Amino acid sequence: MPRVLIATILPAEGKTGMHTHIQSVARYLDLQGVPVEIITPFSWGGLLRYPVFGVRYLLEPLNGTAAVLWYRHWHEVFVAKALKSKLADGQETIIYAQDPLAARAALRSRLNHQQKVVLVLHFVGSSEADEWIDNKRITPGGIAPRRISEQERGIIPGVDRLIYLSPSRQSAILSHIPEAASVRSAVIPNFVMTEYPKQTGIELMGDLVTVGRLEQYKNHRYLLRVLAKTKERGRALTLDIYGDGPCRDELAKLAKTLDVDDLVRFRGFRDDLNTALPCYAVYVHSAIKEGLPYAILEAMAAGLPVIAGNVGGIADLCADDGTVRCWPLDDPNVGATMLLDLFSAEGAISQAGRAARRRSEQEFHVDAVGPRLLEFLAGK
């Protein structure tokens, strides 16, 4: 197995699913004895990074589009410089790119075709532009989304291999960039490395739990409205929300308006959720777009039944065995009914939780997924 350079235009550490993926893959490869290094824009440039990257913050209040394009351009430049330095020896290498710009930097920096570029597509929507739009950094239909989409159409079909995180995400991306069908590819999901020992007699901290940054597309408003409906129907279920973000105050006001503020706790960001998740009865998720969220995979590994919207990669998780139930994200009455049915049926939660754990071990644990990833990366 050749050395692996994990390349991204993001910092190596962060709170997103992509960061979890990067750290999990790096740890797994290291455990397998594969030389691995994470390459980011901060791997090159020294003090030069500060004035160059700092311009973005001067541009943001004046022109959001210019700030985004500046960020993307210079982060790619610095990743390319770092990769060029690492690849200068011509050694056989796998560059495991986490975004199209890192892939393009790798394609421009490699010396030969012994240096393979493998791109994993983390898109939540059909393009990275969707995430910038969701974060209100750029506007739909503007120059930035068009340019980002054009870049992706040029980059993605040119890499050596592609990894899709789920069949649904593969279909969505191929419908947007059909030329990518010509690239050797595999569907390899995110995997869980956290060990959740089977425990009994755990004292619950609450009924429902959800994990995710407090942003508009995560749609936590729906969960609050579901709580209001269950309360109206005589069952006051509690909800703990882990994560931080710009919608925190808005959600707190809505909880008060709906008279469920006594049932909701905003727990903030935590990096030790492996100790918290087993202390709840059911995991709930309300995002209107998703890739293959680690939050759901971790909840299943912890032995929690899951209820989530049938969107993105979650569509491939929804099953008849009760491990992942899908609810309509536009009808809190139906959501309330699903929760009340689950909580009222004797043994339903524990049975679904055990099934979720089994499914996690079979499909999403590192022991099940890691060897597939290793084989695909090393394949000739």
Protein backbone atom coordinates (compact mmCIF):
# COMPACT_ATOMS: atom_id res chain seq x y z
CA MET A 1 0.00 0.00 0.00
CA PRO A 2 1.54 3.35 -1.01
CA ARG A 3 1.54 6.37 1.23
CA VAL A 4 -1.68 8.39 1.49
CA LEU A 5 -1.97 12.17 1.54
CA ILE A 6 -5.41 13.29 2.73
CA ALA A 7 -5.94 16.68 1.08
CA THR A 8 -8.56 19.31 1.87
CA ILE A 9 -8.97 23.06 1.62
CA LEU A 10 -10.43 23.02 5.15
CA PRO A 11 -8.42 23.04 8.37
CA ALA A 12 -7.61 19.54 9.61
CA GLU A 13 -9.66 19.98 12.80
CA GLY A 14 -13.29 21.08 12.96
CA LYS A 15 -16.87 20.21 13.85
CA THR A 16 -18.25 19.01 10.51
CA GLY A 17 -18.88 15.50 9.23
CA MET A 18 -16.05 15.97 6.74
CA HIS A 19 -13.65 16.61 9.62
CA THR A 20 -14.86 13.46 11.35
CA HIS A 21 -14.30 11.54 8.12
CA ILE A 22 -10.78 12.90 7.71
CA GLN A 23 -9.75 12.08 11.25
CA SER A 24 -11.39 8.63 11.15
CA VAL A 25 -9.72 7.65 7.87
CA ALA A 26 -6.33 8.97 9.02
CA ARG A 27 -6.59 7.02 12.25
CA TYR A 28 -7.68 3.84 10.50
CA LEU A 29 -4.90 3.98 7.90
CA ASP A 30 -2.34 4.63 10.61
CA LEU A 31 -3.58 1.59 12.53
CA GLN A 32 -3.11 -0.48 9.36
CA GLY A 33 0.50 0.66 9.08
CA VAL A 34 -0.13 2.89 6.04
CA PRO A 35 1.95 6.09 5.97
CA VAL A 36 -0.63 8.89 6.08
CA GLU A 37 -0.49 12.67 6.32
CA ILE A 38 -3.19 15.33 6.26
CA ILE A 39 -2.49 18.22 3.86
CA THR A 40 -4.39 21.49 4.29
CA PRO A 41 -3.86 25.14 3.30
CA PHE A 42 -2.06 25.50 6.64
CA SER A 43 0.60 22.95 5.62
CA TRP A 44 2.49 25.54 3.55
CA GLY A 45 3.24 29.24 3.58
CA GLY A 46 4.19 30.01 7.17
CA LEU A 47 3.38 33.56 8.17
CA LEU A 48 2.32 34.37 4.60
CA ARG A 49 -0.98 32.63 5.35
CA TYR A 50 -2.16 35.33 7.71
CA PRO A 51 -2.28 38.33 5.33
CA VAL A 52 -3.47 36.22 2.38
CA PHE A 53 -6.26 34.41 4.23
CA GLY A 54 -7.09 37.50 6.26
CA VAL A 55 -8.25 39.43 3.19
CA ARG A 56 -11.38 37.27 3.18
CA TYR A 57 -12.51 38.78 6.48
CA LEU A 58 -12.05 42.29 5.11
CA LEU A 59 -14.11 41.40 2.04
CA GLU A 60 -17.00 39.64 3.82
CA PRO A 61 -18.88 42.74 5.03
CA LEU A 62 -18.39 44.42 1.67
CA ASN A 63 -18.94 41.65 -0.86
CA GLY A 64 -19.78 38.10 0.24
CA THR A 65 -19.27 36.64 -3.22
CA ALA A 66 -15.78 38.12 -3.50
CA ALA A 67 -14.93 36.79 -0.03
CA VAL A 68 -16.00 33.25 -0.94
CA LEU A 69 -14.15 33.27 -4.26
CA TRP A 70 -11.03 34.70 -2.59
CA TYR A 71 -11.19 31.99 0.10
CA ARG A 72 -11.58 29.17 -2.40
CA HIS A 73 -8.86 30.42 -4.75
CA TRP A 74 -6.14 30.98 -2.18
CA HIS A 75 -6.89 27.91 -0.11
CA GLU A 76 -6.51 25.83 -3.27
CA VAL A 77 -3.24 27.60 -4.12
CA PHE A 78 -1.77 26.84 -0.71
CA VAL A 79 -2.90 23.20 -0.80
CA ALA A 80 -1.31 22.86 -4.25
CA LYS A 81 1.96 24.32 -2.98
CA ALA A 82 1.99 21.89 -0.03
CA LEU A 83 1.16 18.92 -2.27
CA LYS A 84 3.78 19.88 -4.86
CA SER A 85 6.42 19.83 -2.16
CA LYS A 86 5.31 16.40 -0.91
CA LEU A 87 4.98 14.88 -4.40
CA ALA A 88 8.28 16.20 -5.75
CA ASP A 89 10.02 12.89 -5.09
CA GLY A 90 7.77 11.16 -7.65
CA GLN A 91 6.97 8.41 -5.12
CA GLU A 92 3.85 6.33 -5.63
CA THR A 93 1.12 8.11 -3.67
CA ILE A 94 -2.61 8.15 -3.19
CA ILE A 95 -3.95 11.68 -2.78
CA TYR A 96 -7.28 11.23 -1.02
CA ALA A 97 -9.02 14.52 -1.78
CA GLN A 98 -11.94 15.67 0.36
CA ASP A 99 -13.25 18.34 -2.00
CA PRO A 100 -12.99 19.17 -5.72
CA LEU A 101 -10.55 22.04 -5.21
CA ALA A 102 -8.15 19.78 -3.30
CA ALA A 103 -8.52 17.26 -6.13
CA ARG A 104 -7.64 19.90 -8.73
CA ALA A 105 -4.66 20.99 -6.65
CA ALA A 106 -3.52 17.35 -6.61
CA LEU A 107 -4.00 16.89 -10.35
CA ARG A 108 -1.93 20.00 -11.02
CA SER A 109 0.79 19.06 -8.52
CA ARG A 110 1.44 15.39 -9.23
CA LEU A 111 4.43 14.37 -11.30
CA ASN A 112 3.16 11.12 -12.77
CA HIS A 113 0.24 8.71 -12.86
CA GLN A 114 1.78 6.66 -10.07
CA GLN A 115 0.37 9.47 -7.97
CA LYS A 116 -3.37 8.72 -7.99
CA VAL A 117 -6.09 11.21 -7.13
CA VAL A 118 -9.10 9.72 -5.33
CA LEU A 119 -11.94 12.14 -4.60
CA VAL A 120 -14.60 11.46 -1.98
CA LEU A 121 -17.79 13.46 -2.56
CA HIS A 122 -19.17 14.86 0.67
CA PHE A 123 -21.77 17.07 -1.04
CA VAL A 124 -24.95 17.65 0.92
CA GLY A 125 -26.70 18.96 -2.19
CA SER A 126 -25.66 18.63 -5.82
CA SER A 127 -22.76 21.07 -5.47
CA GLU A 128 -20.55 22.64 -2.82
CA ALA A 129 -22.24 25.90 -3.80
CA ASP A 130 -25.37 24.71 -1.99
CA GLU A 131 -23.58 24.81 1.36
CA TRP A 132 -22.32 28.35 0.76
CA ILE A 133 -25.88 29.36 -0.14
CA ASP A 134 -27.31 27.66 2.95
CA ASN A 135 -24.83 29.62 5.07
CA LYS A 136 -25.96 32.83 3.33
CA ARG A 137 -22.46 33.58 2.07
CA ILE A 138 -23.54 33.66 -1.59
CA THR A 139 -26.89 34.06 -3.34
CA PRO A 140 -28.62 31.54 -5.63
CA GLY A 141 -28.23 32.30 -9.32
CA GLY A 142 -25.20 34.52 -8.80
CA ILE A 143 -21.73 34.34 -10.27
CA ALA A 144 -20.30 32.29 -7.37
CA PRO A 145 -22.69 29.30 -7.63
CA ARG A 146 -22.22 29.22 -11.39
CA ARG A 147 -18.45 29.32 -11.11
CA ILE A 148 -18.35 26.64 -8.40
CA SER A 149 -20.63 24.36 -10.44
CA GLU A 150 -18.51 24.88 -13.57
CA GLN A 151 -15.36 24.06 -11.61
CA GLU A 152 -16.89 20.82 -10.33
CA ARG A 153 -17.98 19.78 -13.82
CA GLY A 154 -14.41 20.23 -14.98
CA ILE A 155 -12.68 18.59 -12.01
CA ILE A 156 -14.75 15.58 -10.99
CA PRO A 157 -14.62 13.64 -14.29
CA GLY A 158 -10.84 14.11 -14.40
CA VAL A 159 -9.82 12.30 -11.21
CA ASP A 160 -8.62 8.68 -11.11
CA ARG A 161 -11.32 7.38 -8.78
CA LEU A 162 -14.44 8.57 -7.01
CA ILE A 163 -16.00 7.55 -3.71
CA TYR A 164 -19.70 8.15 -3.06
CA LEU A 165 -20.98 7.89 0.51
CA SER A 166 -24.32 6.31 -0.42
CA PRO A 167 -26.24 5.10 -3.48
CA SER A 168 -28.64 8.05 -3.23
CA ARG A 169 -25.80 10.55 -3.19
CA GLN A 170 -24.25 8.78 -6.18
CA SER A 171 -27.48 9.09 -8.15
CA ALA A 172 -27.88 12.76 -7.24
CA ILE A 173 -24.35 13.70 -8.25
CA LEU A 174 -24.45 11.71 -11.49
CA SER A 175 -27.70 13.41 -12.44
CA HIS A 176 -25.90 16.74 -12.00
CA ILE A 177 -22.57 15.68 -13.54
CA PRO A 178 -23.25 12.68 -15.82
CA GLU A 179 -19.66 12.77 -17.12
CA ALA A 180 -18.56 11.42 -13.72
CA ALA A 181 -20.03 8.02 -14.66
CA SER A 182 -16.87 7.32 -16.68
CA VAL A 183 -14.67 7.46 -13.58
CA ARG A 184 -13.93 4.27 -11.65
CA SER A 185 -15.97 4.54 -8.49
CA ALA A 186 -17.30 2.82 -5.38
CA VAL A 187 -19.99 3.46 -2.80
CA ILE A 188 -18.27 3.35 0.59
CA PRO A 189 -20.12 4.87 3.55
CA ASN A 190 -18.78 6.79 6.50
CA PHE A 191 -17.79 4.49 9.31
CA VAL A 192 -17.90 4.58 13.09
CA MET A 193 -14.73 3.97 15.10
CA THR A 194 -16.23 4.77 18.49
CA GLU A 195 -16.88 1.70 20.60
CA TYR A 196 -20.20 1.67 22.43
CA PRO A 197 -20.14 -1.15 24.98
CA LYS A 198 -23.43 -2.90 25.51
CA GLN A 199 -24.78 -1.52 28.74
CA THR A 200 -27.92 -2.14 30.73
CA GLY A 201 -29.56 -0.09 33.42
CA ILE A 202 -28.30 3.27 32.13
CA GLU A 203 -30.04 6.21 33.75
CA LEU A 204 -31.61 8.26 30.95
CA MET A 205 -30.88 11.97 30.71
CA GLY A 206 -33.89 12.56 28.48
CA ASP A 207 -36.28 11.15 25.90
CA LEU A 208 -35.08 12.57 22.58
CA VAL A 209 -31.67 13.73 21.39
CA THR A 210 -30.39 15.34 18.22
CA VAL A 211 -26.92 16.43 17.08
CA GLY A 212 -26.13 19.05 14.47
CA ARG A 213 -25.00 22.58 13.88
CA LEU A 214 -27.79 25.09 14.50
CA GLU A 215 -28.29 26.21 10.92
CA GLN A 216 -31.41 26.76 8.83
CA TYR A 217 -31.12 23.62 6.73
CA LYS A 218 -30.84 21.46 9.84
CA ASN A 219 -34.48 22.43 10.41
CA HIS A 220 -34.57 22.13 14.21
CA ARG A 221 -37.78 24.17 14.07
CA TYR A 222 -39.58 21.03 12.96
CA LEU A 223 -38.50 19.16 16.08
CA LEU A 224 -39.83 21.92 18.31
CA ARG A 225 -43.18 21.84 16.52
CA VAL A 226 -43.34 18.05 16.93
CA LEU A 227 -42.73 18.48 20.65
CA ALA A 228 -45.56 20.98 20.82
CA LYS A 229 -47.93 18.49 19.17
CA THR A 230 -46.97 15.63 21.47
CA LYS A 231 -47.46 17.92 24.46
CA GLU A 232 -50.92 18.92 23.19
CA ARG A 233 -51.76 15.21 23.01
CA GLY A 234 -50.78 14.56 26.61
CA ARG A 235 -47.15 13.38 26.36
CA ALA A 236 -44.41 15.85 27.29
CA LEU A 237 -41.26 14.46 25.67
CA THR A 238 -37.93 16.12 26.38
CA LEU A 239 -35.39 17.04 23.70
CA ASP A 240 -31.68 17.74 24.12
CA ILE A 241 -30.00 19.53 21.20
CA TYR A 242 -26.23 19.19 20.83
CA GLY A 243 -24.50 21.70 18.57
CA ASP A 244 -24.01 25.41 18.19
CA GLY A 245 -24.60 27.88 15.40
CA PRO A 246 -26.36 31.04 14.25
CA CYS A 247 -29.94 29.81 14.85
CA ARG A 248 -29.55 29.33 18.61
CA ASP A 249 -31.47 32.43 19.69
CA GLU A 250 -34.17 31.97 17.06
CA LEU A 251 -34.79 28.40 18.20
CA ALA A 252 -34.91 29.41 21.86
CA LYS A 253 -37.57 32.03 21.04
CA LEU A 254 -39.59 29.53 19.04
CA ALA A 255 -39.45 27.01 21.91
CA LYS A 256 -40.87 29.66 24.23
CA THR A 257 -43.57 30.64 21.73
CA LEU A 258 -44.61 26.99 21.36
CA ASP A 259 -44.58 26.54 25.17
CA VAL A 260 -41.97 23.76 25.03
CA ASP A 261 -39.03 25.72 26.41
CA ASP A 262 -39.27 23.66 29.60
CA LEU A 263 -38.77 20.49 27.52
CA VAL A 264 -35.82 21.63 25.39
CA ARG A 265 -32.19 21.93 26.47
CA PHE A 266 -29.52 23.45 24.25
CA ARG A 267 -26.41 21.52 25.18
CA GLY A 268 -23.91 23.22 22.85
CA PHE A 269 -21.07 21.48 21.05
CA ARG A 270 -19.49 18.42 22.68
CA ASP A 271 -16.77 16.14 21.36
CA ASP A 272 -17.56 13.30 23.79
CA LEU A 273 -21.02 12.35 22.56
CA ASN A 274 -20.12 8.70 22.89
CA THR A 275 -20.79 9.10 26.61
CA ALA A 276 -24.01 11.08 26.12
CA LEU A 277 -25.87 9.31 23.30
CA PRO A 278 -26.54 6.05 25.16
CA CYS A 279 -28.34 8.10 27.83
CA TYR A 280 -31.36 8.84 25.60
CA ALA A 281 -34.25 6.78 24.32
CA VAL A 282 -34.57 7.91 20.68
CA TYR A 283 -32.45 9.90 18.24
CA VAL A 284 -34.35 12.40 16.03
CA HIS A 285 -33.07 14.26 12.96
CA SER A 286 -34.76 16.99 10.95
CA ALA A 287 -32.33 18.25 8.28
CA ILE A 288 -33.88 18.97 4.88
CA LYS A 289 -30.65 17.95 3.09
CA GLU A 290 -27.89 15.59 4.15
CA GLY A 291 -25.05 13.44 2.93
CA LEU A 292 -24.58 10.44 5.21
CA PRO A 293 -24.52 12.09 8.65
CA TYR A 294 -22.22 10.73 11.31
CA ALA A 295 -24.73 11.78 13.95
CA ILE A 296 -27.18 9.12 12.79
CA LEU A 297 -24.49 6.45 12.41
CA GLU A 298 -23.22 7.18 15.93
CA ALA A 299 -26.75 7.04 17.32
CA MET A 300 -27.28 3.62 15.74
CA ALA A 301 -23.96 2.42 17.13
CA ALA A 302 -25.05 3.61 20.57
CA GLY A 303 -28.19 1.48 20.27
CA LEU A 304 -30.77 4.19 19.63
CA PRO A 305 -33.64 3.91 17.17
CA VAL A 306 -33.60 6.83 14.73
CA ILE A 307 -36.33 8.97 13.16
CA ALA A 308 -35.20 11.24 10.32
CA GLY A 309 -36.29 12.82 7.06
CA ASN A 310 -36.05 10.80 3.87
CA VAL A 311 -33.43 13.07 2.30
CA GLY A 312 -29.96 12.65 0.79
CA GLY A 313 -28.02 9.65 2.03
CA ILE A 314 -30.55 9.10 4.84
CA ALA A 315 -32.86 7.63 2.19
CA ASP A 316 -30.53 4.62 2.06
CA LEU A 317 -30.78 4.16 5.83
CA CYS A 318 -34.56 4.10 6.16
CA ALA A 319 -35.64 0.50 6.76
CA ASP A 320 -38.64 -1.61 7.67
CA ASP A 321 -36.85 -3.08 10.68
CA GLY A 322 -37.46 0.05 12.74
CA THR A 323 -33.80 0.99 13.04
CA VAL A 324 -34.29 4.18 11.01
CA ARG A 325 -37.82 5.44 10.50
CA CYS A 326 -38.50 8.27 8.07
CA TRP A 327 -40.93 11.04 8.90
CA PRO A 328 -42.36 13.86 6.76
CA LEU A 329 -40.54 17.11 7.50
CA ASP A 330 -43.56 19.23 6.61
CA ASP A 331 -46.12 17.65 8.98
CA PRO A 332 -45.41 17.82 12.73
CA ASN A 333 -48.72 16.05 13.44
CA VAL A 334 -47.47 12.92 11.70
CA GLY A 335 -44.12 13.29 13.46
CA ALA A 336 -45.88 13.47 16.82
CA THR A 337 -47.92 10.36 16.00
CA MET A 338 -44.79 8.42 15.11
CA LEU A 339 -43.11 9.35 18.38
CA LEU A 340 -46.18 8.62 20.50
CA ASP A 341 -46.63 5.24 18.83
CA LEU A 342 -43.00 4.36 19.47
CA PHE A 343 -43.08 5.41 23.12
CA SER A 344 -46.44 3.74 23.84
CA ALA A 345 -45.68 0.32 22.34
CA GLU A 346 -44.20 -1.92 25.00
CA GLY A 347 -40.61 -2.87 24.25
CA ALA A 348 -40.59 -1.10 20.87
CA ILE A 349 -37.75 1.29 21.71
CA SER A 350 -35.42 -1.33 23.18
CA GLN A 351 -36.13 -3.76 20.33
CA ALA A 352 -35.46 -1.12 17.66
CA GLY A 353 -32.35 0.02 19.52
CA ARG A 354 -30.88 -3.48 19.54
CA ALA A 355 -31.61 -3.81 15.84
CA ALA A 356 -29.95 -0.44 15.20
CA ARG A 357 -26.80 -1.56 16.99
CA ARG A 358 -26.68 -4.81 15.01
CA ARG A 359 -27.13 -2.98 11.74
CA SER A 360 -24.42 -0.50 12.68
CA GLU A 361 -21.97 -3.31 13.39
CA GLN A 362 -22.76 -5.04 10.11
CA GLU A 363 -22.81 -2.02 7.78
CA PHE A 364 -21.11 1.02 9.33
CA HIS A 365 -18.50 -0.12 11.85
CA VAL A 366 -14.85 0.40 10.94
CA ASP A 367 -14.31 -3.36 10.83
CA ALA A 368 -16.96 -3.66 8.11
CA VAL A 369 -16.13 -0.56 6.05
CA GLY A 370 -12.42 0.03 6.62
CA PRO A 371 -11.15 -2.98 4.62
CA ARG A 372 -13.35 -1.98 1.66
CA LEU A 373 -11.89 1.52 1.69
CA LEU A 374 -8.35 0.19 1.97
CA GLU A 375 -8.89 -2.20 -0.95
CA PHE A 376 -10.35 0.53 -3.16
CA LEU A 377 -7.58 2.99 -2.40
CA ALA A 378 -4.87 0.39 -3.02
CA GLY A 379 -6.44 -1.12 -6.14
CA LYS A 380 -4.53 -0.89 -9.39
